[in-house]
Amino acid sequence: MTREQSEENISKGDLTIGALQLGKRPAVVAVDFSNGFTHSESPLGGNFEPQIAANLSLIKTARLIDCPIFFTTVIYDNDSQASVFRQRVPALNILQRGSNWVEINPKLADYVQKDRLIEKHFPSAFFATDLANRLKNLNTDTLLITGLTTSGCVRATCVDALQHNFATVVVEEACGDRNQEAHRINLHDMHAKYAQVMSLEQSLKWLNELARK
């Protein structure tokens, strides 16, 4: 689904949306590209090689303008952490500290800075973390959100980004879901209410334009 197709769908029954004014100090938030979500042998995983490739393109361009890049990973230390969430989705129990499943996928690992790795227990990168404070300390005004999965942790992070008053872009090809219908519907919903869904090409063009200013 392209942004243009999303806007055609919005005109059929959703609320009218205004143009989202993007800022000049963006940051990338790459949600849950851990081995637990990117490896097909994991009960949480799938084939997300295209999304990994899209993130590599985005991250390499973002680095050219010194755009901060945050990665998230879900980690559990004991049974009390997010116990209801884990009861509902038992596969999350593999995400134990020290396991290979919580490490960022090797294809992206070289771009992870220790002080910009967000450990979380719940879907949103913001909930019960210090991500918002870190972003505000960097004077961030716009987020480019990518990650896994579109209908879960990406959407939750997108909604919380809005609630922290960040202009938010969801980069379409850089997000993925095991359920393609859920992927499509949630991209539609995020674009209709909370964010601007942009293609990878559009996102790279915007970053390159910032680099020339």
N, C-alpha and C. Protein backbone atom coordinates (compact mmCIF):
# COMPACT_ATOMS: atom_id res chain seq x y z
N MET A 1 0.84 -1.20 0.00
CA MET A 1 0.00 0.00 0.00
C MET A 1 0.87 1.24 0.00
N THR A 2 0.70 2.08 -0.98
CA THR A 2 1.43 3.33 -1.02
C THR A 2 0.69 4.39 -0.23
N ARG A 3 1.38 5.47 0.08
CA ARG A 3 0.74 6.58 0.80
C ARG A 3 -0.44 7.11 0.00
N GLU A 4 -0.30 7.17 -1.34
CA GLU A 4 -1.38 7.68 -2.17
C GLU A 4 -2.61 6.79 -2.09
N GLN A 5 -2.39 5.46 -2.10
CA GLN A 5 -3.52 4.54 -1.97
C GLN A 5 -4.19 4.70 -0.61
N SER A 6 -3.38 4.88 0.44
CA SER A 6 -3.94 5.07 1.77
C SER A 6 -4.84 6.29 1.81
N GLU A 7 -4.41 7.38 1.17
CA GLU A 7 -5.22 8.60 1.19
C GLU A 7 -6.50 8.42 0.39
N GLU A 8 -6.47 7.61 -0.66
CA GLU A 8 -7.70 7.32 -1.39
C GLU A 8 -8.67 6.58 -0.49
N ASN A 9 -8.18 5.62 0.30
CA ASN A 9 -9.04 4.88 1.21
C ASN A 9 -9.61 5.78 2.30
N ILE A 10 -8.80 6.69 2.80
CA ILE A 10 -9.25 7.59 3.86
C ILE A 10 -10.44 8.41 3.39
N SER A 11 -10.46 8.83 2.15
CA SER A 11 -11.52 9.69 1.66
C SER A 11 -12.88 8.98 1.62
N LYS A 12 -12.89 7.66 1.74
CA LYS A 12 -14.13 6.91 1.64
C LYS A 12 -14.87 6.77 2.96
N GLY A 13 -14.24 7.11 4.08
CA GLY A 13 -14.98 6.94 5.33
C GLY A 13 -14.25 7.37 6.57
N ASP A 14 -12.98 7.67 6.47
CA ASP A 14 -12.23 8.11 7.62
C ASP A 14 -12.33 9.62 7.80
N LEU A 15 -11.84 10.09 8.92
CA LEU A 15 -11.82 11.53 9.17
C LEU A 15 -10.87 12.21 8.19
N THR A 16 -11.16 13.45 7.88
CA THR A 16 -10.25 14.25 7.05
C THR A 16 -8.96 14.49 7.82
N ILE A 17 -7.83 14.30 7.15
CA ILE A 17 -6.54 14.50 7.82
C ILE A 17 -5.84 15.73 7.24
N GLY A 18 -5.07 16.39 8.09
CA GLY A 18 -4.29 17.54 7.66
C GLY A 18 -2.89 17.12 7.28
N ALA A 19 -2.19 18.01 6.61
CA ALA A 19 -0.79 17.76 6.25
C ALA A 19 0.06 17.76 7.50
N LEU A 20 0.90 16.75 7.63
CA LEU A 20 1.77 16.64 8.79
C LEU A 20 3.07 17.38 8.51
N GLN A 21 3.38 18.36 9.34
CA GLN A 21 4.59 19.14 9.17
C GLN A 21 5.77 18.44 9.84
N LEU A 22 6.69 17.95 9.03
CA LEU A 22 7.86 17.28 9.58
C LEU A 22 8.90 18.31 9.98
N GLY A 23 9.71 17.96 10.97
CA GLY A 23 10.68 18.90 11.49
C GLY A 23 12.03 18.81 10.81
N LYS A 24 13.05 19.27 11.53
CA LYS A 24 14.40 19.32 10.98
C LYS A 24 15.39 18.50 11.80
N ARG A 25 14.91 17.87 12.89
CA ARG A 25 15.79 17.08 13.75
C ARG A 25 15.17 15.69 13.96
N PRO A 26 15.30 14.83 12.95
CA PRO A 26 14.68 13.51 13.04
C PRO A 26 15.54 12.51 13.82
N ALA A 27 14.89 11.45 14.23
CA ALA A 27 15.56 10.27 14.78
C ALA A 27 14.87 9.04 14.23
N VAL A 28 15.61 7.98 14.07
CA VAL A 28 15.06 6.70 13.64
C VAL A 28 14.83 5.82 14.87
N VAL A 29 13.67 5.18 14.94
CA VAL A 29 13.40 4.19 15.98
C VAL A 29 13.10 2.87 15.27
N ALA A 30 14.04 1.94 15.34
CA ALA A 30 13.91 0.63 14.69
C ALA A 30 13.45 -0.37 15.74
N VAL A 31 12.22 -0.80 15.62
CA VAL A 31 11.55 -1.58 16.67
C VAL A 31 11.76 -3.09 16.48
N ASP A 32 12.41 -3.68 17.45
CA ASP A 32 12.45 -5.15 17.63
C ASP A 32 13.01 -5.93 16.45
N PHE A 33 14.13 -5.47 15.92
CA PHE A 33 14.82 -6.29 14.91
C PHE A 33 15.78 -7.26 15.59
N SER A 34 15.30 -7.90 16.62
CA SER A 34 16.09 -8.91 17.33
C SER A 34 15.98 -10.25 16.61
N ASN A 35 16.88 -11.16 16.98
CA ASN A 35 16.84 -12.50 16.37
C ASN A 35 15.51 -13.19 16.64
N GLY A 36 14.92 -12.89 17.79
CA GLY A 36 13.64 -13.52 18.12
C GLY A 36 12.53 -13.20 17.15
N PHE A 37 12.61 -12.03 16.51
CA PHE A 37 11.57 -11.63 15.56
C PHE A 37 12.01 -11.78 14.10
N THR A 38 13.31 -11.83 13.85
CA THR A 38 13.78 -11.84 12.46
C THR A 38 14.19 -13.22 11.96
N HIS A 39 14.30 -14.20 12.84
CA HIS A 39 14.68 -15.54 12.41
C HIS A 39 13.45 -16.42 12.26
N SER A 40 13.36 -17.10 11.15
CA SER A 40 12.16 -17.90 10.86
C SER A 40 12.01 -19.09 11.80
N GLU A 41 13.12 -19.55 12.41
CA GLU A 41 13.01 -20.69 13.32
C GLU A 41 12.47 -20.29 14.70
N SER A 42 12.37 -18.99 14.96
CA SER A 42 11.79 -18.53 16.21
C SER A 42 10.26 -18.59 16.12
N PRO A 43 9.58 -18.95 17.22
CA PRO A 43 8.11 -18.95 17.21
C PRO A 43 7.53 -17.55 17.02
N LEU A 44 8.33 -16.52 17.21
CA LEU A 44 7.89 -15.15 17.00
C LEU A 44 8.28 -14.61 15.63
N GLY A 45 9.09 -15.36 14.90
CA GLY A 45 9.75 -14.83 13.72
C GLY A 45 9.04 -15.04 12.41
N GLY A 46 9.71 -14.61 11.35
CA GLY A 46 9.20 -14.74 10.00
C GLY A 46 10.30 -14.39 9.02
N ASN A 47 9.95 -14.32 7.75
CA ASN A 47 10.91 -13.94 6.72
C ASN A 47 10.85 -12.43 6.52
N PHE A 48 11.77 -11.73 7.17
CA PHE A 48 11.76 -10.27 7.12
C PHE A 48 13.03 -9.72 6.48
N GLU A 49 13.61 -10.47 5.57
CA GLU A 49 14.82 -10.00 4.88
C GLU A 49 14.58 -8.70 4.11
N PRO A 50 13.44 -8.54 3.41
CA PRO A 50 13.21 -7.26 2.72
C PRO A 50 13.15 -6.08 3.68
N GLN A 51 12.58 -6.28 4.85
CA GLN A 51 12.49 -5.20 5.83
C GLN A 51 13.87 -4.87 6.40
N ILE A 52 14.70 -5.88 6.59
CA ILE A 52 16.06 -5.64 7.07
C ILE A 52 16.83 -4.83 6.02
N ALA A 53 16.68 -5.20 4.77
CA ALA A 53 17.37 -4.46 3.69
C ALA A 53 16.90 -3.01 3.63
N ALA A 54 15.59 -2.80 3.79
CA ALA A 54 15.06 -1.43 3.78
C ALA A 54 15.62 -0.62 4.94
N ASN A 55 15.74 -1.25 6.10
CA ASN A 55 16.30 -0.55 7.25
C ASN A 55 17.76 -0.21 7.04
N LEU A 56 18.50 -1.08 6.41
CA LEU A 56 19.90 -0.78 6.12
C LEU A 56 20.01 0.46 5.25
N SER A 57 19.17 0.57 4.24
CA SER A 57 19.19 1.75 3.37
C SER A 57 18.85 3.01 4.14
N LEU A 58 17.82 2.92 4.97
CA LEU A 58 17.40 4.08 5.75
C LEU A 58 18.48 4.50 6.75
N ILE A 59 19.05 3.53 7.44
CA ILE A 59 20.04 3.83 8.47
C ILE A 59 21.30 4.43 7.86
N LYS A 60 21.75 3.90 6.76
CA LYS A 60 22.95 4.43 6.12
C LYS A 60 22.75 5.88 5.69
N THR A 61 21.57 6.20 5.19
CA THR A 61 21.28 7.58 4.81
C THR A 61 21.15 8.46 6.03
N ALA A 62 20.50 7.96 7.08
CA ALA A 62 20.32 8.73 8.31
C ALA A 62 21.66 9.09 8.93
N ARG A 63 22.61 8.20 8.86
CA ARG A 63 23.93 8.47 9.45
C ARG A 63 24.65 9.62 8.75
N LEU A 64 24.34 9.83 7.49
CA LEU A 64 25.01 10.90 6.74
C LEU A 64 24.68 12.28 7.29
N ILE A 65 23.52 12.39 7.95
CA ILE A 65 23.14 13.69 8.53
C ILE A 65 23.17 13.63 10.07
N ASP A 66 23.91 12.65 10.59
CA ASP A 66 24.04 12.49 12.05
C ASP A 66 22.68 12.36 12.73
N CYS A 67 21.78 11.67 12.07
CA CYS A 67 20.45 11.42 12.62
C CYS A 67 20.56 10.29 13.66
N PRO A 68 20.14 10.51 14.90
CA PRO A 68 20.22 9.46 15.92
C PRO A 68 19.40 8.24 15.52
N ILE A 69 19.92 7.06 15.84
CA ILE A 69 19.25 5.80 15.50
C ILE A 69 19.11 4.98 16.77
N PHE A 70 17.88 4.72 17.15
CA PHE A 70 17.59 3.91 18.33
C PHE A 70 17.04 2.55 17.88
N PHE A 71 17.52 1.50 18.52
CA PHE A 71 16.98 0.16 18.33
C PHE A 71 16.28 -0.26 19.62
N THR A 72 15.26 -1.11 19.48
CA THR A 72 14.62 -1.67 20.67
C THR A 72 14.72 -3.19 20.63
N THR A 73 14.69 -3.77 21.81
CA THR A 73 14.61 -5.22 21.94
C THR A 73 13.79 -5.56 23.18
N VAL A 74 13.01 -6.60 23.09
CA VAL A 74 12.22 -7.07 24.23
C VAL A 74 13.07 -8.05 25.03
N ILE A 75 13.21 -7.78 26.33
CA ILE A 75 14.03 -8.62 27.21
C ILE A 75 13.28 -8.86 28.52
N TYR A 76 13.32 -10.11 28.99
CA TYR A 76 12.72 -10.44 30.29
C TYR A 76 13.76 -11.04 31.22
N ASP A 77 13.72 -10.57 32.47
CA ASP A 77 14.63 -11.06 33.50
C ASP A 77 13.96 -12.01 34.48
N ASN A 78 12.63 -11.89 34.61
CA ASN A 78 11.93 -12.75 35.56
C ASN A 78 10.48 -12.89 35.12
N ASP A 79 9.76 -13.81 35.77
CA ASP A 79 8.40 -14.15 35.36
C ASP A 79 7.38 -13.05 35.65
N SER A 80 7.73 -12.10 36.51
CA SER A 80 6.76 -11.07 36.87
C SER A 80 6.68 -9.96 35.82
N GLN A 81 7.67 -9.83 34.97
CA GLN A 81 7.70 -8.75 33.98
C GLN A 81 6.71 -9.04 32.85
N ALA A 82 5.79 -8.12 32.63
CA ALA A 82 4.78 -8.24 31.57
C ALA A 82 4.09 -9.60 31.60
N SER A 83 3.71 -10.03 32.79
CA SER A 83 3.18 -11.39 32.95
C SER A 83 1.88 -11.62 32.20
N VAL A 84 1.02 -10.61 32.13
CA VAL A 84 -0.25 -10.78 31.41
C VAL A 84 0.00 -10.83 29.91
N PHE A 85 0.87 -9.96 29.41
CA PHE A 85 1.24 -9.98 27.98
C PHE A 85 1.81 -11.34 27.61
N ARG A 86 2.67 -11.90 28.44
CA ARG A 86 3.30 -13.19 28.15
C ARG A 86 2.33 -14.35 28.30
N GLN A 87 1.33 -14.17 29.14
CA GLN A 87 0.28 -15.19 29.24
C GLN A 87 -0.52 -15.23 27.94
N ARG A 88 -0.77 -14.06 27.38
CA ARG A 88 -1.53 -13.98 26.14
C ARG A 88 -0.70 -14.46 24.95
N VAL A 89 0.61 -14.15 24.94
CA VAL A 89 1.50 -14.55 23.84
C VAL A 89 2.67 -15.33 24.45
N PRO A 90 2.49 -16.63 24.72
CA PRO A 90 3.52 -17.41 25.42
C PRO A 90 4.86 -17.47 24.69
N ALA A 91 4.86 -17.29 23.37
CA ALA A 91 6.13 -17.34 22.63
C ALA A 91 7.10 -16.27 23.09
N LEU A 92 6.59 -15.20 23.72
CA LEU A 92 7.47 -14.15 24.23
C LEU A 92 8.44 -14.66 25.29
N ASN A 93 8.14 -15.80 25.89
CA ASN A 93 8.97 -16.31 26.97
C ASN A 93 10.37 -16.70 26.53
N ILE A 94 10.61 -16.81 25.23
CA ILE A 94 11.96 -17.12 24.77
C ILE A 94 12.89 -15.92 24.90
N LEU A 95 12.33 -14.72 25.10
CA LEU A 95 13.13 -13.49 25.06
C LEU A 95 13.77 -13.22 26.42
N GLN A 96 14.59 -14.15 26.86
CA GLN A 96 15.25 -14.05 28.15
C GLN A 96 16.61 -13.38 28.01
N ARG A 97 16.95 -12.54 28.97
CA ARG A 97 18.26 -11.88 28.95
C ARG A 97 19.38 -12.93 28.84
N GLY A 98 20.33 -12.64 27.99
CA GLY A 98 21.45 -13.56 27.79
C GLY A 98 21.24 -14.54 26.65
N SER A 99 20.01 -14.64 26.16
CA SER A 99 19.75 -15.55 25.05
C SER A 99 20.06 -14.87 23.72
N ASN A 100 20.31 -15.67 22.70
CA ASN A 100 20.57 -15.14 21.37
C ASN A 100 19.34 -14.43 20.80
N TRP A 101 18.17 -14.80 21.27
CA TRP A 101 16.94 -14.26 20.70
C TRP A 101 16.79 -12.76 20.93
N VAL A 102 17.40 -12.21 21.97
CA VAL A 102 17.23 -10.79 22.26
C VAL A 102 18.29 -9.92 21.60
N GLU A 103 19.27 -10.53 20.95
CA GLU A 103 20.31 -9.78 20.25
C GLU A 103 19.78 -9.23 18.93
N ILE A 104 20.23 -8.05 18.54
CA ILE A 104 19.81 -7.47 17.27
C ILE A 104 20.38 -8.28 16.12
N ASN A 105 19.59 -8.46 15.08
CA ASN A 105 19.98 -9.25 13.92
C ASN A 105 21.39 -8.84 13.44
N PRO A 106 22.24 -9.81 13.15
CA PRO A 106 23.63 -9.51 12.77
C PRO A 106 23.77 -8.51 11.61
N LYS A 107 22.81 -8.49 10.70
CA LYS A 107 22.91 -7.57 9.56
C LYS A 107 22.73 -6.11 9.97
N LEU A 108 22.15 -5.90 11.15
CA LEU A 108 21.93 -4.55 11.65
C LEU A 108 22.79 -4.23 12.87
N ALA A 109 23.40 -5.25 13.44
CA ALA A 109 24.07 -5.11 14.73
C ALA A 109 25.19 -4.07 14.72
N ASP A 110 25.88 -3.91 13.61
CA ASP A 110 27.00 -2.95 13.56
C ASP A 110 26.53 -1.50 13.71
N TYR A 111 25.24 -1.26 13.57
CA TYR A 111 24.71 0.10 13.65
C TYR A 111 24.11 0.40 15.02
N VAL A 112 24.20 -0.56 15.93
CA VAL A 112 23.63 -0.39 17.26
C VAL A 112 24.65 0.27 18.18
N GLN A 113 24.27 1.38 18.77
CA GLN A 113 25.07 2.02 19.81
C GLN A 113 24.49 1.63 21.17
N LYS A 114 25.37 1.23 22.06
CA LYS A 114 24.93 0.71 23.34
C LYS A 114 24.00 1.67 24.07
N ASP A 115 24.31 2.97 24.00
CA ASP A 115 23.49 3.95 24.73
C ASP A 115 22.22 4.32 23.97
N ARG A 116 22.01 3.72 22.80
CA ARG A 116 20.78 3.95 22.06
C ARG A 116 20.03 2.64 21.78
N LEU A 117 20.26 1.67 22.65
CA LEU A 117 19.51 0.42 22.61
C LEU A 117 18.50 0.45 23.75
N ILE A 118 17.22 0.40 23.39
CA ILE A 118 16.14 0.49 24.36
C ILE A 118 15.64 -0.91 24.70
N GLU A 119 15.76 -1.29 25.96
CA GLU A 119 15.21 -2.56 26.42
C GLU A 119 13.79 -2.33 26.91
N LYS A 120 12.88 -3.18 26.47
CA LYS A 120 11.49 -2.99 26.86
C LYS A 120 10.83 -4.32 27.18
N HIS A 121 9.71 -4.25 27.89
CA HIS A 121 8.95 -5.45 28.25
C HIS A 121 7.60 -5.51 27.54
N PHE A 122 7.16 -4.38 27.01
CA PHE A 122 5.83 -4.26 26.44
C PHE A 122 5.92 -3.84 24.97
N PRO A 123 4.80 -3.75 24.26
CA PRO A 123 4.86 -3.43 22.83
C PRO A 123 5.50 -2.08 22.52
N SER A 124 5.13 -1.03 23.20
CA SER A 124 5.62 0.30 22.85
C SER A 124 7.06 0.52 23.28
N ALA A 125 7.83 1.16 22.41
CA ALA A 125 9.21 1.54 22.75
C ALA A 125 9.25 2.62 23.82
N PHE A 126 8.12 3.28 24.07
CA PHE A 126 8.05 4.36 25.04
C PHE A 126 7.62 3.90 26.43
N PHE A 127 6.78 2.86 26.49
CA PHE A 127 6.16 2.50 27.76
C PHE A 127 7.20 1.93 28.73
N ALA A 128 7.32 2.58 29.90
CA ALA A 128 8.23 2.16 30.97
C ALA A 128 9.69 2.14 30.51
N THR A 129 10.04 3.04 29.57
CA THR A 129 11.44 3.24 29.15
C THR A 129 11.75 4.73 29.22
N ASP A 130 13.01 5.07 28.98
CA ASP A 130 13.39 6.49 28.98
C ASP A 130 13.56 7.03 27.57
N LEU A 131 12.97 6.37 26.58
CA LEU A 131 13.14 6.80 25.20
C LEU A 131 12.69 8.25 24.99
N ALA A 132 11.55 8.62 25.52
CA ALA A 132 11.05 9.98 25.30
C ALA A 132 12.03 11.02 25.82
N ASN A 133 12.57 10.79 27.01
CA ASN A 133 13.54 11.74 27.56
C ASN A 133 14.81 11.80 26.72
N ARG A 134 15.25 10.67 26.24
CA ARG A 134 16.45 10.66 25.40
C ARG A 134 16.22 11.46 24.12
N LEU A 135 15.08 11.29 23.52
CA LEU A 135 14.76 12.01 22.30
C LEU A 135 14.65 13.51 22.56
N LYS A 136 14.01 13.87 23.65
CA LYS A 136 13.85 15.29 23.97
C LYS A 136 15.20 15.94 24.29
N ASN A 137 16.09 15.19 24.92
CA ASN A 137 17.43 15.71 25.21
C ASN A 137 18.23 15.97 23.94
N LEU A 138 17.86 15.29 22.86
CA LEU A 138 18.50 15.49 21.56
C LEU A 138 17.77 16.53 20.72
N ASN A 139 16.72 17.13 21.29
CA ASN A 139 15.89 18.10 20.58
C ASN A 139 15.23 17.51 19.33
N THR A 140 14.91 16.24 19.41
CA THR A 140 14.25 15.56 18.30
C THR A 140 12.84 16.11 18.11
N ASP A 141 12.46 16.32 16.85
CA ASP A 141 11.10 16.78 16.58
C ASP A 141 10.31 15.85 15.66
N THR A 142 11.00 14.88 15.05
CA THR A 142 10.34 13.99 14.09
C THR A 142 10.92 12.58 14.25
N LEU A 143 10.05 11.58 14.22
CA LEU A 143 10.50 10.20 14.30
C LEU A 143 10.22 9.46 13.00
N LEU A 144 11.17 8.65 12.60
CA LEU A 144 10.99 7.69 11.52
C LEU A 144 10.94 6.31 12.18
N ILE A 145 9.76 5.72 12.19
CA ILE A 145 9.58 4.44 12.87
C ILE A 145 9.58 3.30 11.86
N THR A 146 10.36 2.26 12.18
CA THR A 146 10.40 1.03 11.38
C THR A 146 10.25 -0.13 12.34
N GLY A 147 10.10 -1.34 11.81
CA GLY A 147 10.18 -2.46 12.73
C GLY A 147 9.18 -3.58 12.54
N LEU A 148 9.15 -4.41 13.58
CA LEU A 148 8.35 -5.62 13.63
C LEU A 148 7.62 -5.65 14.98
N THR A 149 6.36 -6.00 14.96
CA THR A 149 5.54 -6.18 13.77
C THR A 149 4.64 -4.96 13.62
N THR A 150 4.17 -4.75 12.40
CA THR A 150 3.38 -3.56 12.09
C THR A 150 2.15 -3.45 12.99
N SER A 151 1.47 -4.57 13.19
CA SER A 151 0.21 -4.55 13.95
C SER A 151 0.42 -4.58 15.45
N GLY A 152 1.65 -4.81 15.90
CA GLY A 152 1.93 -4.91 17.32
C GLY A 152 2.79 -3.77 17.82
N CYS A 153 4.09 -4.04 17.92
CA CYS A 153 4.99 -3.08 18.56
C CYS A 153 5.21 -1.82 17.73
N VAL A 154 5.12 -1.91 16.41
CA VAL A 154 5.25 -0.70 15.59
C VAL A 154 4.06 0.22 15.84
N ARG A 155 2.87 -0.35 15.79
CA ARG A 155 1.67 0.48 16.02
C ARG A 155 1.68 1.10 17.42
N ALA A 156 2.02 0.30 18.43
CA ALA A 156 2.03 0.81 19.80
C ALA A 156 3.04 1.94 19.94
N THR A 157 4.19 1.79 19.32
CA THR A 157 5.21 2.83 19.37
C THR A 157 4.76 4.08 18.63
N CYS A 158 4.09 3.89 17.51
CA CYS A 158 3.57 5.01 16.72
C CYS A 158 2.55 5.81 17.53
N VAL A 159 1.63 5.14 18.18
CA VAL A 159 0.61 5.83 18.97
C VAL A 159 1.25 6.61 20.12
N ASP A 160 2.22 5.99 20.79
CA ASP A 160 2.88 6.69 21.89
C ASP A 160 3.74 7.84 21.40
N ALA A 161 4.31 7.70 20.21
CA ALA A 161 5.08 8.82 19.64
C ALA A 161 4.18 10.04 19.47
N LEU A 162 2.98 9.82 18.96
CA LEU A 162 2.01 10.91 18.84
C LEU A 162 1.68 11.49 20.21
N GLN A 163 1.50 10.63 21.19
CA GLN A 163 1.12 11.09 22.52
C GLN A 163 2.25 11.85 23.21
N HIS A 164 3.47 11.66 22.72
CA HIS A 164 4.60 12.47 23.19
C HIS A 164 4.82 13.67 22.28
N ASN A 165 3.91 13.86 21.33
CA ASN A 165 3.88 15.04 20.46
C ASN A 165 5.03 15.09 19.45
N PHE A 166 5.48 13.93 19.01
CA PHE A 166 6.45 13.88 17.92
C PHE A 166 5.72 13.73 16.59
N ALA A 167 6.12 14.53 15.59
CA ALA A 167 5.67 14.25 14.23
C ALA A 167 6.27 12.91 13.84
N THR A 168 5.45 12.02 13.31
CA THR A 168 5.89 10.64 13.13
C THR A 168 5.67 10.15 11.71
N VAL A 169 6.71 9.53 11.18
CA VAL A 169 6.66 8.86 9.88
C VAL A 169 6.81 7.37 10.12
N VAL A 170 5.96 6.57 9.53
CA VAL A 170 6.12 5.12 9.51
C VAL A 170 6.60 4.75 8.11
N VAL A 171 7.76 4.12 8.04
CA VAL A 171 8.38 3.81 6.75
C VAL A 171 7.86 2.45 6.27
N GLU A 172 7.06 2.48 5.23
CA GLU A 172 6.26 1.33 4.83
C GLU A 172 7.07 0.06 4.61
N GLU A 173 8.06 0.10 3.72
CA GLU A 173 8.80 -1.12 3.39
C GLU A 173 9.73 -1.57 4.51
N ALA A 174 9.95 -0.70 5.49
CA ALA A 174 10.84 -1.02 6.60
C ALA A 174 10.10 -1.63 7.78
N CYS A 175 8.79 -1.88 7.62
CA CYS A 175 7.97 -2.54 8.64
C CYS A 175 7.43 -3.85 8.09
N GLY A 176 7.24 -4.82 8.96
CA GLY A 176 6.72 -6.10 8.50
C GLY A 176 5.85 -6.77 9.54
N ASP A 177 5.08 -7.73 9.09
CA ASP A 177 4.15 -8.45 9.96
C ASP A 177 4.00 -9.88 9.45
N ARG A 178 3.80 -10.80 10.36
CA ARG A 178 3.54 -12.18 9.94
C ARG A 178 2.19 -12.30 9.23
N ASN A 179 1.28 -11.40 9.55
CA ASN A 179 -0.06 -11.39 8.96
C ASN A 179 -0.14 -10.22 8.00
N GLN A 180 -0.19 -10.49 6.71
CA GLN A 180 -0.15 -9.41 5.71
C GLN A 180 -1.41 -8.56 5.72
N GLU A 181 -2.54 -9.15 6.05
CA GLU A 181 -3.76 -8.35 6.14
C GLU A 181 -3.67 -7.37 7.32
N ALA A 182 -3.14 -7.86 8.44
CA ALA A 182 -2.94 -6.98 9.59
C ALA A 182 -1.95 -5.88 9.26
N HIS A 183 -0.91 -6.21 8.51
CA HIS A 183 0.07 -5.21 8.08
C HIS A 183 -0.62 -4.10 7.29
N ARG A 184 -1.42 -4.49 6.32
CA ARG A 184 -2.09 -3.51 5.47
C ARG A 184 -3.06 -2.64 6.26
N ILE A 185 -3.87 -3.27 7.09
CA ILE A 185 -4.88 -2.53 7.84
C ILE A 185 -4.24 -1.57 8.83
N ASN A 186 -3.18 -2.01 9.48
CA ASN A 186 -2.56 -1.15 10.49
C ASN A 186 -1.79 0.00 9.86
N LEU A 187 -1.19 -0.20 8.69
CA LEU A 187 -0.62 0.94 7.97
C LEU A 187 -1.70 1.97 7.66
N HIS A 188 -2.85 1.47 7.21
CA HIS A 188 -3.97 2.37 6.92
C HIS A 188 -4.37 3.15 8.17
N ASP A 189 -4.55 2.45 9.29
CA ASP A 189 -5.01 3.10 10.52
C ASP A 189 -4.00 4.13 11.03
N MET A 190 -2.72 3.77 10.99
CA MET A 190 -1.71 4.72 11.47
C MET A 190 -1.69 5.98 10.61
N HIS A 191 -1.82 5.80 9.30
CA HIS A 191 -1.80 6.96 8.41
C HIS A 191 -3.06 7.80 8.59
N ALA A 192 -4.17 7.15 8.90
CA ALA A 192 -5.45 7.85 9.03
C ALA A 192 -5.56 8.64 10.32
N LYS A 193 -4.72 8.30 11.33
CA LYS A 193 -4.92 8.93 12.64
C LYS A 193 -3.66 9.47 13.30
N TYR A 194 -2.55 8.76 13.17
CA TYR A 194 -1.44 9.04 14.07
C TYR A 194 -0.15 9.50 13.40
N ALA A 195 0.03 9.18 12.13
CA ALA A 195 1.35 9.37 11.52
C ALA A 195 1.19 9.57 10.02
N GLN A 196 2.33 9.78 9.38
CA GLN A 196 2.38 9.78 7.93
C GLN A 196 3.07 8.50 7.50
N VAL A 197 2.38 7.66 6.77
CA VAL A 197 3.02 6.47 6.19
C VAL A 197 3.69 6.90 4.89
N MET A 198 5.00 6.70 4.84
CA MET A 198 5.76 7.09 3.67
C MET A 198 6.53 5.89 3.15
N SER A 199 6.72 5.85 1.85
CA SER A 199 7.54 4.80 1.26
C SER A 199 8.99 5.01 1.64
N LEU A 200 9.79 3.97 1.46
CA LEU A 200 11.22 4.09 1.70
C LEU A 200 11.82 5.16 0.79
N GLU A 201 11.40 5.18 -0.47
CA GLU A 201 11.92 6.17 -1.41
C GLU A 201 11.62 7.58 -0.94
N GLN A 202 10.39 7.82 -0.49
CA GLN A 202 10.02 9.15 0.00
C GLN A 202 10.82 9.53 1.25
N SER A 203 11.02 8.56 2.12
CA SER A 203 11.75 8.81 3.36
C SER A 203 13.21 9.15 3.08
N LEU A 204 13.83 8.42 2.16
CA LEU A 204 15.22 8.69 1.79
C LEU A 204 15.34 10.06 1.13
N LYS A 205 14.37 10.38 0.30
CA LYS A 205 14.39 11.69 -0.36
C LYS A 205 14.31 12.81 0.68
N TRP A 206 13.44 12.66 1.67
CA TRP A 206 13.30 13.67 2.71
C TRP A 206 14.60 13.83 3.50
N LEU A 207 15.23 12.71 3.87
CA LEU A 207 16.50 12.78 4.60
C LEU A 207 17.58 13.44 3.77
N ASN A 208 17.63 13.12 2.50
CA ASN A 208 18.63 13.73 1.61
C ASN A 208 18.41 15.23 1.47
N GLU A 209 17.14 15.63 1.45
CA GLU A 209 16.83 17.07 1.38
C GLU A 209 17.30 17.78 2.65
N LEU A 210 17.14 17.13 3.81
CA LEU A 210 17.64 17.72 5.05
C LEU A 210 19.16 17.87 5.01
N ALA A 211 19.80 16.88 4.42
CA ALA A 211 21.27 16.90 4.36
C ALA A 211 21.78 18.08 3.55
N ARG A 212 20.98 18.55 2.59
CA ARG A 212 21.41 19.66 1.73
C ARG A 212 21.12 21.03 2.33
N LYS A 213 20.39 21.06 3.45
CA LYS A 213 20.02 22.34 4.04
C LYS A 213 21.11 22.83 5.00
